[in-house]
N, C-alpha and C. Protein backbone atom coordinates (compact mmCIF):
# COMPACT_ATOMS: atom_id res chain seq x y z
N UNK A 1 107.70 113.69 109.44
CA UNK A 1 107.54 112.37 108.82
C UNK A 1 106.90 111.35 109.65
N UNK A 2 105.81 110.78 109.23
CA UNK A 2 105.13 109.83 109.95
C UNK A 2 105.76 108.50 109.73
N UNK A 3 105.55 107.52 110.72
CA UNK A 3 106.15 106.22 110.59
C UNK A 3 104.94 105.33 110.61
N UNK A 4 104.98 104.23 109.65
CA UNK A 4 103.85 103.30 109.53
C UNK A 4 104.45 101.93 109.15
N UNK A 5 103.66 100.95 109.71
CA UNK A 5 104.14 99.57 109.29
C UNK A 5 103.83 99.15 107.99
N UNK A 6 104.72 98.45 107.45
CA UNK A 6 104.52 97.90 106.05
C UNK A 6 103.21 97.19 105.74
N UNK A 7 102.76 96.32 106.78
CA UNK A 7 101.62 95.68 106.49
C UNK A 7 100.36 96.74 106.46
N UNK A 8 100.41 97.74 107.17
CA UNK A 8 99.37 98.82 107.11
C UNK A 8 99.39 99.46 105.68
N UNK A 9 100.59 99.83 105.19
CA UNK A 9 100.81 100.43 103.81
C UNK A 9 100.16 99.55 102.76
N UNK A 10 100.55 98.25 102.87
CA UNK A 10 100.29 97.24 101.88
C UNK A 10 98.56 96.99 101.77
N UNK A 11 98.05 97.22 102.98
CA UNK A 11 96.56 96.97 103.07
C UNK A 11 95.78 98.18 102.57
N UNK A 12 96.36 99.38 102.72
CA UNK A 12 95.61 100.60 102.27
C UNK A 12 96.52 101.50 101.51
N UNK A 13 97.32 100.96 100.48
CA UNK A 13 98.33 101.71 99.70
C UNK A 13 97.66 102.89 99.27
N UNK A 14 96.48 102.73 98.48
CA UNK A 14 95.78 103.85 97.86
C UNK A 14 95.54 104.97 98.68
N UNK A 15 95.05 104.75 99.98
CA UNK A 15 94.77 105.89 101.00
C UNK A 15 96.09 106.59 101.25
N UNK A 16 97.12 105.96 101.38
CA UNK A 16 98.43 106.49 101.83
C UNK A 16 99.05 107.31 100.72
N UNK A 17 98.85 106.86 99.44
CA UNK A 17 99.26 107.52 98.37
C UNK A 17 98.46 108.72 98.12
N UNK A 18 97.25 108.64 98.24
CA UNK A 18 96.35 109.93 98.18
C UNK A 18 96.83 110.81 99.21
N UNK A 19 97.16 110.56 100.49
CA UNK A 19 97.65 111.46 101.43
C UNK A 19 99.00 112.01 101.02
N UNK A 20 99.93 111.24 100.55
CA UNK A 20 101.13 111.80 100.03
C UNK A 20 100.92 112.87 99.06
N UNK A 21 100.25 112.53 98.05
CA UNK A 21 99.86 113.36 96.92
C UNK A 21 99.16 114.68 97.42
N UNK A 22 98.08 114.54 98.04
CA UNK A 22 97.20 115.72 98.28
C UNK A 22 97.68 116.53 99.52
N UNK A 23 98.23 115.98 100.44
CA UNK A 23 98.67 116.69 101.68
C UNK A 23 100.26 116.75 101.91
N UNK A 24 100.90 116.27 100.91
CA UNK A 24 102.35 116.25 100.91
C UNK A 24 102.93 115.79 102.16
N UNK A 25 102.37 114.67 102.56
CA UNK A 25 102.78 114.01 103.83
C UNK A 25 103.86 112.94 103.32
N UNK A 26 104.80 112.66 104.23
CA UNK A 26 105.87 111.62 103.89
C UNK A 26 105.75 110.51 105.05
N UNK A 27 106.10 109.36 104.60
CA UNK A 27 105.88 108.30 105.49
C UNK A 27 107.15 107.39 105.55
N UNK A 28 107.66 107.04 106.71
CA UNK A 28 108.89 106.04 106.74
C UNK A 28 108.08 104.71 106.97
N UNK A 29 108.49 103.88 106.12
CA UNK A 29 107.91 102.54 106.15
C UNK A 29 108.86 101.57 106.91
N UNK A 30 108.28 100.97 107.88
CA UNK A 30 108.98 100.00 108.75
C UNK A 30 108.37 98.54 108.80
N UNK A 31 109.21 97.62 109.00
CA UNK A 31 108.67 96.37 109.18
C UNK A 31 109.48 95.73 110.42
N UNK A 32 108.49 95.35 111.55
CA UNK A 32 109.14 94.92 112.82
C UNK A 32 110.10 95.98 113.36
N UNK A 33 109.65 97.26 113.23
CA UNK A 33 110.60 98.33 113.80
C UNK A 33 111.74 98.70 112.95
N UNK A 34 112.01 98.07 111.78
CA UNK A 34 113.12 98.39 111.00
C UNK A 34 112.95 99.04 109.87
N UNK A 35 113.50 100.17 109.50
CA UNK A 35 113.14 101.09 108.38
C UNK A 35 113.41 100.27 107.06
N UNK A 36 112.47 100.21 106.17
CA UNK A 36 112.70 99.48 104.93
C UNK A 36 112.46 100.55 103.66
N UNK A 37 111.91 101.67 103.93
CA UNK A 37 111.71 102.61 102.78
C UNK A 37 110.96 103.72 103.17
N UNK A 38 110.72 104.68 102.10
CA UNK A 38 110.01 105.96 102.36
C UNK A 38 109.01 106.10 101.17
N UNK A 39 107.92 106.73 101.62
CA UNK A 39 106.97 107.10 100.67
C UNK A 39 106.68 108.66 100.80
N UNK A 40 107.17 109.25 99.74
CA UNK A 40 107.37 110.70 99.82
C UNK A 40 106.76 111.30 98.54
N UNK A 41 106.27 112.60 98.50
CA UNK A 41 105.73 113.29 97.38
C UNK A 41 106.75 113.19 96.19
N UNK A 42 106.33 113.01 95.04
CA UNK A 42 107.16 113.14 93.89
C UNK A 42 107.68 114.50 93.67
N UNK A 43 106.92 115.54 94.05
CA UNK A 43 107.37 116.99 93.77
C UNK A 43 108.34 117.51 94.85
N UNK A 44 108.59 116.59 95.79
CA UNK A 44 109.38 117.07 96.83
C UNK A 44 110.79 117.06 96.41
N UNK A 45 111.30 118.29 96.50
CA UNK A 45 112.74 118.35 95.91
C UNK A 45 113.91 117.87 97.01
N UNK A 46 115.05 117.50 96.59
CA UNK A 46 116.11 117.24 97.54
C UNK A 46 116.45 118.57 98.27
N UNK A 47 117.47 118.50 99.17
CA UNK A 47 117.81 119.64 99.90
C UNK A 47 118.92 120.43 98.98
N UNK A 48 119.09 121.67 99.43
CA UNK A 48 120.27 122.28 98.94
C UNK A 48 121.37 122.39 100.01
N UNK A 49 122.57 122.86 99.61
CA UNK A 49 123.62 122.84 100.59
C UNK A 49 123.35 123.56 101.83
N UNK A 50 122.55 124.62 101.81
CA UNK A 50 122.26 125.25 103.17
C UNK A 50 121.28 124.43 104.04
N UNK A 51 120.36 123.75 103.44
CA UNK A 51 119.49 122.95 104.27
C UNK A 51 120.25 121.68 104.78
N UNK A 52 121.06 121.13 103.94
CA UNK A 52 121.92 120.05 104.44
C UNK A 52 122.80 120.50 105.63
N UNK A 53 123.42 121.65 105.66
CA UNK A 53 124.28 122.06 106.63
C UNK A 53 123.44 122.36 107.94
N UNK A 54 122.15 122.86 107.69
CA UNK A 54 121.33 123.13 108.92
C UNK A 54 120.89 121.92 109.43
N UNK A 55 120.68 120.76 108.61
CA UNK A 55 120.24 119.45 109.22
C UNK A 55 121.37 118.78 109.95
N UNK A 56 122.47 118.90 109.49
CA UNK A 56 123.72 118.22 109.95
C UNK A 56 124.22 119.00 111.33
N UNK A 57 123.87 120.32 111.42
CA UNK A 57 124.06 121.08 112.60
C UNK A 57 123.31 120.62 113.73
N UNK A 58 121.97 120.14 113.45
CA UNK A 58 121.15 119.45 114.44
C UNK A 58 121.27 118.14 114.73
N UNK A 59 122.24 117.48 114.03
CA UNK A 59 122.39 115.98 114.13
C UNK A 59 123.60 115.61 115.03
N UNK A 60 123.35 114.65 115.92
CA UNK A 60 124.54 114.11 116.72
C UNK A 60 125.10 112.99 116.02
N UNK A 61 126.32 113.21 115.41
CA UNK A 61 127.14 112.28 114.66
C UNK A 61 128.25 111.57 115.63
N UNK A 62 128.39 110.23 115.36
CA UNK A 62 129.60 109.71 116.10
C UNK A 62 130.83 110.10 115.35
N UNK A 63 131.85 109.84 116.02
CA UNK A 63 133.20 110.19 115.36
C UNK A 63 133.48 109.35 114.13
N UNK A 64 132.98 108.14 114.12
CA UNK A 64 133.15 107.20 112.96
C UNK A 64 132.28 107.78 111.79
N UNK A 65 131.01 108.25 112.11
CA UNK A 65 130.14 108.73 111.14
C UNK A 65 130.71 110.14 110.48
N UNK A 66 131.16 110.93 111.38
CA UNK A 66 131.82 112.20 110.99
C UNK A 66 133.02 111.93 110.01
N UNK A 67 133.89 110.92 110.26
CA UNK A 67 134.94 110.56 109.50
C UNK A 67 134.46 110.02 108.07
N UNK A 68 133.47 109.07 108.16
CA UNK A 68 132.99 108.55 106.88
C UNK A 68 132.28 109.64 106.01
N UNK A 69 131.55 110.65 106.68
CA UNK A 69 130.97 111.62 105.96
C UNK A 69 132.03 112.69 105.21
N UNK A 70 133.10 112.87 106.07
CA UNK A 70 134.26 113.78 105.46
C UNK A 70 134.92 113.01 104.29
N UNK A 71 135.10 111.60 104.38
CA UNK A 71 135.74 110.93 103.51
C UNK A 71 134.76 110.94 102.27
N UNK A 72 133.50 110.73 102.39
CA UNK A 72 132.61 110.83 101.21
C UNK A 72 132.61 112.25 100.41
N UNK A 73 132.73 113.28 101.31
CA UNK A 73 132.76 114.50 100.61
C UNK A 73 134.04 114.66 99.96
N UNK A 74 135.19 114.25 100.45
CA UNK A 74 136.52 114.32 99.71
C UNK A 74 136.53 113.43 98.56
N UNK A 75 135.87 112.37 98.44
CA UNK A 75 135.87 111.49 97.27
C UNK A 75 135.05 112.21 96.26
N UNK A 76 133.83 112.73 96.64
CA UNK A 76 133.07 113.41 95.67
C UNK A 76 133.71 114.74 95.12
N UNK A 77 134.51 115.32 95.91
CA UNK A 77 135.26 116.53 95.23
C UNK A 77 136.24 116.15 94.27
N UNK A 78 136.81 114.90 94.36
CA UNK A 78 137.82 114.36 93.30
C UNK A 78 137.05 114.02 92.11
N UNK A 79 135.90 113.64 92.14
CA UNK A 79 135.15 113.15 91.00
C UNK A 79 134.49 114.30 90.23
N UNK A 80 134.23 115.43 90.97
CA UNK A 80 133.55 116.53 90.40
C UNK A 80 134.59 117.36 89.39
N UNK A 81 134.22 117.75 88.24
CA UNK A 81 135.05 118.46 87.42
C UNK A 81 134.75 119.95 87.62
N UNK A 82 135.70 120.86 87.45
CA UNK A 82 135.50 122.21 87.53
C UNK A 82 134.60 122.77 86.56
N UNK A 83 133.71 123.73 87.06
CA UNK A 83 132.82 124.28 86.11
C UNK A 83 133.51 125.19 84.96
N UNK A 84 133.05 125.19 83.75
CA UNK A 84 133.52 125.77 82.78
C UNK A 84 132.96 127.32 82.65
N UNK A 85 133.66 128.35 82.47
CA UNK A 85 132.97 129.58 82.22
C UNK A 85 132.51 129.69 80.85
N UNK A 86 131.16 129.80 80.55
CA UNK A 86 130.66 129.89 79.15
C UNK A 86 131.02 131.11 78.44
N UNK A 87 131.37 132.12 79.08
CA UNK A 87 131.78 133.43 78.47
C UNK A 87 133.38 133.53 78.31
N UNK A 88 134.12 132.70 78.83
CA UNK A 88 135.60 132.84 78.95
C UNK A 88 136.23 132.00 77.98
């Protein structure tokens, strides 16, 4: 993913949009070095559980981040309803 300043995006938005569409390039948009958003292809799908696991394996998380991530997963599991067997 490329990083680009917001002022550059705003000046040549059409050029960046064409590159995102035709070349499937993604951009992280920053302003004064702080991330403000992303410009990604619309057809780019989210990741599946295997891709998420691979990305997490390569990531250095602090103890606090690991705790918050585990808490978010536990909370999500409580919200999910079990799948129903359509044949049973």
